[in-house]
Amino acid sequence: MDHQITALTKQWFELVGRDHHKDRDCHFYVEKRWSYGEPPVYVVQHQGYVWDEPIDETFPTYTAAARLLVEKLREMVAAEREWSESG
């Protein structure tokens, strides 16, 4: 699944790189977090400007977190591709 994330972030960068963007538009995170002696959780985050819907969701497994990130990246790439082709 990591290879899908890498390929999608590359597509995203190529699309937003055509126009003005900030560095934070190209950073995506799956953070493993330990808190209060509980088992770890995985937090998916993206705080960009181009995609103005912040991503900040928590999952019990890396696989579930990575799946969400792939889903969001596919949605973002499709929307940005549609926007760039319409303009």
N, C-alpha and C. Protein backbone atom coordinates (compact mmCIF):
# COMPACT_ATOMS: atom_id res chain seq x y z
N MET A 1 0.82 -1.19 0.00
CA MET A 1 0.00 0.00 0.00
C MET A 1 0.86 1.26 0.00
N ASP A 2 2.04 1.18 0.61
CA ASP A 2 2.93 2.34 0.63
C ASP A 2 3.31 2.79 -0.78
N HIS A 3 3.47 1.83 -1.69
CA HIS A 3 3.82 2.22 -3.07
C HIS A 3 2.67 3.00 -3.73
N GLN A 4 1.42 2.67 -3.38
CA GLN A 4 0.28 3.43 -3.89
C GLN A 4 0.30 4.85 -3.36
N ILE A 5 0.61 4.99 -2.08
CA ILE A 5 0.68 6.32 -1.48
C ILE A 5 1.76 7.15 -2.16
N THR A 6 2.91 6.54 -2.38
CA THR A 6 4.01 7.25 -3.04
C THR A 6 3.62 7.68 -4.45
N ALA A 7 3.00 6.78 -5.20
CA ALA A 7 2.59 7.11 -6.57
C ALA A 7 1.53 8.22 -6.57
N LEU A 8 0.59 8.15 -5.65
CA LEU A 8 -0.46 9.17 -5.60
C LEU A 8 0.08 10.53 -5.15
N THR A 9 1.01 10.54 -4.19
CA THR A 9 1.58 11.83 -3.78
C THR A 9 2.41 12.43 -4.91
N LYS A 10 3.02 11.58 -5.74
CA LYS A 10 3.76 12.09 -6.90
C LYS A 10 2.78 12.74 -7.89
N GLN A 11 1.68 12.06 -8.16
CA GLN A 11 0.66 12.62 -9.06
C GLN A 11 0.14 13.94 -8.51
N TRP A 12 -0.13 13.96 -7.21
CA TRP A 12 -0.64 15.18 -6.56
C TRP A 12 0.36 16.32 -6.74
N PHE A 13 1.63 16.06 -6.47
CA PHE A 13 2.65 17.10 -6.60
C PHE A 13 2.74 17.61 -8.04
N GLU A 14 2.68 16.69 -9.00
CA GLU A 14 2.74 17.11 -10.41
C GLU A 14 1.55 18.00 -10.77
N LEU A 15 0.39 17.71 -10.22
CA LEU A 15 -0.80 18.52 -10.50
C LEU A 15 -0.74 19.88 -9.82
N VAL A 16 -0.45 19.92 -8.52
CA VAL A 16 -0.44 21.20 -7.82
C VAL A 16 0.81 22.00 -8.14
N GLY A 17 1.86 21.34 -8.61
CA GLY A 17 3.09 22.03 -8.96
C GLY A 17 2.95 22.89 -10.21
N ARG A 18 1.90 22.66 -10.97
CA ARG A 18 1.66 23.47 -12.17
C ARG A 18 1.20 24.88 -11.82
N ASP A 19 0.62 25.01 -10.65
CA ASP A 19 0.06 26.27 -10.20
C ASP A 19 0.72 26.64 -8.87
N HIS A 20 0.34 27.75 -8.32
CA HIS A 20 0.91 28.18 -7.05
C HIS A 20 0.44 27.25 -5.92
N HIS A 21 1.37 26.80 -5.11
CA HIS A 21 1.05 26.00 -3.95
C HIS A 21 2.08 26.26 -2.87
N LYS A 22 1.74 25.89 -1.67
CA LYS A 22 2.66 26.01 -0.53
C LYS A 22 3.27 24.64 -0.27
N ASP A 23 4.41 24.64 0.38
CA ASP A 23 5.10 23.40 0.69
C ASP A 23 4.20 22.43 1.45
N ARG A 24 3.40 22.93 2.37
CA ARG A 24 2.57 22.05 3.18
C ARG A 24 1.51 21.31 2.36
N ASP A 25 1.23 21.76 1.14
CA ASP A 25 0.29 21.06 0.28
C ASP A 25 0.79 19.68 -0.14
N CYS A 26 2.08 19.46 0.00
CA CYS A 26 2.68 18.21 -0.49
C CYS A 26 3.16 17.29 0.62
N HIS A 27 2.69 17.52 1.85
CA HIS A 27 3.07 16.66 2.98
C HIS A 27 1.85 15.93 3.52
N PHE A 28 2.01 14.62 3.66
CA PHE A 28 0.96 13.75 4.18
C PHE A 28 1.59 12.89 5.27
N TYR A 29 0.84 12.64 6.32
CA TYR A 29 1.41 11.93 7.47
C TYR A 29 0.53 10.78 7.92
N VAL A 30 1.18 9.68 8.29
CA VAL A 30 0.55 8.63 9.09
C VAL A 30 1.47 8.52 10.30
N GLU A 31 0.97 9.01 11.41
CA GLU A 31 1.76 9.09 12.64
C GLU A 31 1.33 7.97 13.58
N LYS A 32 2.31 7.25 14.11
CA LYS A 32 2.03 6.24 15.12
C LYS A 32 2.14 6.93 16.47
N ARG A 33 1.06 6.87 17.26
CA ARG A 33 1.01 7.63 18.50
C ARG A 33 0.70 6.71 19.69
N TRP A 34 1.55 6.81 20.69
CA TRP A 34 1.32 6.12 21.96
C TRP A 34 0.89 7.16 22.98
N SER A 35 -0.18 6.88 23.72
CA SER A 35 -0.66 7.81 24.74
C SER A 35 -1.21 7.05 25.94
N TYR A 36 -0.87 7.51 27.12
CA TYR A 36 -1.46 7.06 28.37
C TYR A 36 -1.36 5.56 28.61
N GLY A 37 -0.32 4.92 28.11
CA GLY A 37 -0.13 3.50 28.33
C GLY A 37 -1.07 2.61 27.53
N GLU A 38 -1.78 3.21 26.59
CA GLU A 38 -2.71 2.46 25.73
C GLU A 38 -1.97 1.96 24.49
N PRO A 39 -2.54 0.97 23.78
CA PRO A 39 -1.93 0.53 22.53
C PRO A 39 -1.83 1.71 21.56
N PRO A 40 -0.89 1.66 20.63
CA PRO A 40 -0.74 2.78 19.71
C PRO A 40 -1.92 2.91 18.75
N VAL A 41 -2.11 4.13 18.27
CA VAL A 41 -3.07 4.42 17.22
C VAL A 41 -2.32 5.08 16.07
N TYR A 42 -2.95 5.15 14.93
CA TYR A 42 -2.34 5.72 13.73
C TYR A 42 -3.18 6.90 13.27
N VAL A 43 -2.55 8.05 13.15
CA VAL A 43 -3.25 9.28 12.82
C VAL A 43 -2.86 9.73 11.42
N VAL A 44 -3.84 9.89 10.54
CA VAL A 44 -3.63 10.37 9.18
C VAL A 44 -3.85 11.87 9.20
N GLN A 45 -2.86 12.62 8.65
CA GLN A 45 -2.97 14.08 8.65
C GLN A 45 -2.50 14.68 7.33
N HIS A 46 -3.21 15.72 6.95
CA HIS A 46 -2.81 16.59 5.83
C HIS A 46 -3.43 17.95 6.10
N GLN A 47 -2.61 18.98 6.09
CA GLN A 47 -3.08 20.34 6.39
C GLN A 47 -2.66 21.29 5.27
N GLY A 48 -3.11 21.02 4.05
CA GLY A 48 -2.73 21.85 2.93
C GLY A 48 -3.69 22.99 2.67
N TYR A 49 -3.35 23.78 1.68
CA TYR A 49 -4.19 24.90 1.26
C TYR A 49 -4.99 24.56 0.01
N VAL A 50 -4.37 23.85 -0.93
CA VAL A 50 -5.05 23.53 -2.19
C VAL A 50 -6.28 22.67 -1.89
N TRP A 51 -6.07 21.62 -1.10
CA TRP A 51 -7.20 20.78 -0.65
C TRP A 51 -7.60 21.35 0.70
N ASP A 52 -8.68 22.10 0.72
CA ASP A 52 -9.02 22.86 1.92
C ASP A 52 -9.84 22.10 2.94
N GLU A 53 -9.86 20.78 2.84
CA GLU A 53 -10.52 19.94 3.83
C GLU A 53 -9.44 19.23 4.63
N PRO A 54 -9.07 19.75 5.80
CA PRO A 54 -8.00 19.11 6.58
C PRO A 54 -8.32 17.64 6.86
N ILE A 55 -7.29 16.83 6.83
CA ILE A 55 -7.43 15.41 7.18
C ILE A 55 -6.78 15.22 8.54
N ASP A 56 -7.53 14.68 9.47
CA ASP A 56 -7.02 14.40 10.81
C ASP A 56 -7.89 13.29 11.39
N GLU A 57 -7.57 12.05 11.04
CA GLU A 57 -8.39 10.91 11.45
C GLU A 57 -7.52 9.85 12.10
N THR A 58 -8.08 9.17 13.10
CA THR A 58 -7.35 8.20 13.90
C THR A 58 -7.89 6.79 13.65
N PHE A 59 -6.96 5.83 13.57
CA PHE A 59 -7.30 4.43 13.29
C PHE A 59 -6.54 3.50 14.23
N PRO A 60 -7.07 2.32 14.47
CA PRO A 60 -6.40 1.37 15.36
C PRO A 60 -5.24 0.63 14.70
N THR A 61 -5.19 0.62 13.36
CA THR A 61 -4.12 -0.09 12.66
C THR A 61 -3.51 0.77 11.55
N TYR A 62 -2.27 0.47 11.20
CA TYR A 62 -1.62 1.17 10.09
C TYR A 62 -2.36 0.91 8.79
N THR A 63 -2.79 -0.33 8.59
CA THR A 63 -3.47 -0.68 7.35
C THR A 63 -4.73 0.15 7.14
N ALA A 64 -5.51 0.32 8.18
CA ALA A 64 -6.73 1.13 8.07
C ALA A 64 -6.38 2.59 7.78
N ALA A 65 -5.34 3.10 8.42
CA ALA A 65 -4.92 4.48 8.19
C ALA A 65 -4.43 4.66 6.76
N ALA A 66 -3.61 3.72 6.29
CA ALA A 66 -3.08 3.81 4.93
C ALA A 66 -4.20 3.72 3.90
N ARG A 67 -5.20 2.89 4.16
CA ARG A 67 -6.34 2.79 3.23
C ARG A 67 -7.06 4.12 3.11
N LEU A 68 -7.27 4.78 4.24
CA LEU A 68 -7.93 6.09 4.18
C LEU A 68 -7.08 7.08 3.39
N LEU A 69 -5.77 7.07 3.62
CA LEU A 69 -4.91 8.01 2.91
C LEU A 69 -4.94 7.75 1.41
N VAL A 70 -4.93 6.49 0.99
CA VAL A 70 -5.04 6.17 -0.44
C VAL A 70 -6.37 6.68 -0.98
N GLU A 71 -7.45 6.45 -0.26
CA GLU A 71 -8.78 6.91 -0.69
C GLU A 71 -8.81 8.43 -0.84
N LYS A 72 -8.30 9.14 0.16
CA LYS A 72 -8.29 10.61 0.11
C LYS A 72 -7.41 11.11 -1.04
N LEU A 73 -6.24 10.51 -1.20
CA LEU A 73 -5.35 10.95 -2.28
C LEU A 73 -5.98 10.72 -3.65
N ARG A 74 -6.65 9.60 -3.83
CA ARG A 74 -7.34 9.35 -5.11
C ARG A 74 -8.40 10.43 -5.36
N GLU A 75 -9.14 10.76 -4.32
CA GLU A 75 -10.16 11.80 -4.43
C GLU A 75 -9.53 13.16 -4.76
N MET A 76 -8.44 13.47 -4.09
CA MET A 76 -7.75 14.75 -4.30
C MET A 76 -7.18 14.84 -5.71
N VAL A 77 -6.52 13.78 -6.15
CA VAL A 77 -5.93 13.76 -7.50
C VAL A 77 -7.02 13.90 -8.55
N ALA A 78 -8.11 13.16 -8.40
CA ALA A 78 -9.20 13.24 -9.39
C ALA A 78 -9.79 14.65 -9.43
N ALA A 79 -10.02 15.25 -8.29
CA ALA A 79 -10.59 16.60 -8.25
C ALA A 79 -9.64 17.62 -8.86
N GLU A 80 -8.36 17.51 -8.54
CA GLU A 80 -7.37 18.47 -9.07
C GLU A 80 -7.20 18.28 -10.57
N ARG A 81 -7.22 17.03 -11.03
CA ARG A 81 -7.12 16.77 -12.47
C ARG A 81 -8.33 17.36 -13.19
N GLU A 82 -9.51 17.17 -12.64
CA GLU A 82 -10.74 17.72 -13.24
C GLU A 82 -10.65 19.25 -13.28
N TRP A 83 -10.22 19.85 -12.19
CA TRP A 83 -10.10 21.31 -12.13
C TRP A 83 -9.10 21.83 -13.16
N SER A 84 -7.96 21.16 -13.29
CA SER A 84 -6.94 21.64 -14.22
C SER A 84 -7.35 21.46 -15.69
N GLU A 85 -8.16 20.44 -15.96
CA GLU A 85 -8.62 20.20 -17.33
C GLU A 85 -9.77 21.12 -17.70
N SER A 86 -10.49 21.64 -16.72
CA SER A 86 -11.62 22.52 -17.01
C SER A 86 -11.19 23.98 -17.22
N GLY A 87 -9.99 24.29 -16.76
CA GLY A 87 -9.55 25.69 -16.82
C GLY A 87 -8.68 25.95 -17.95
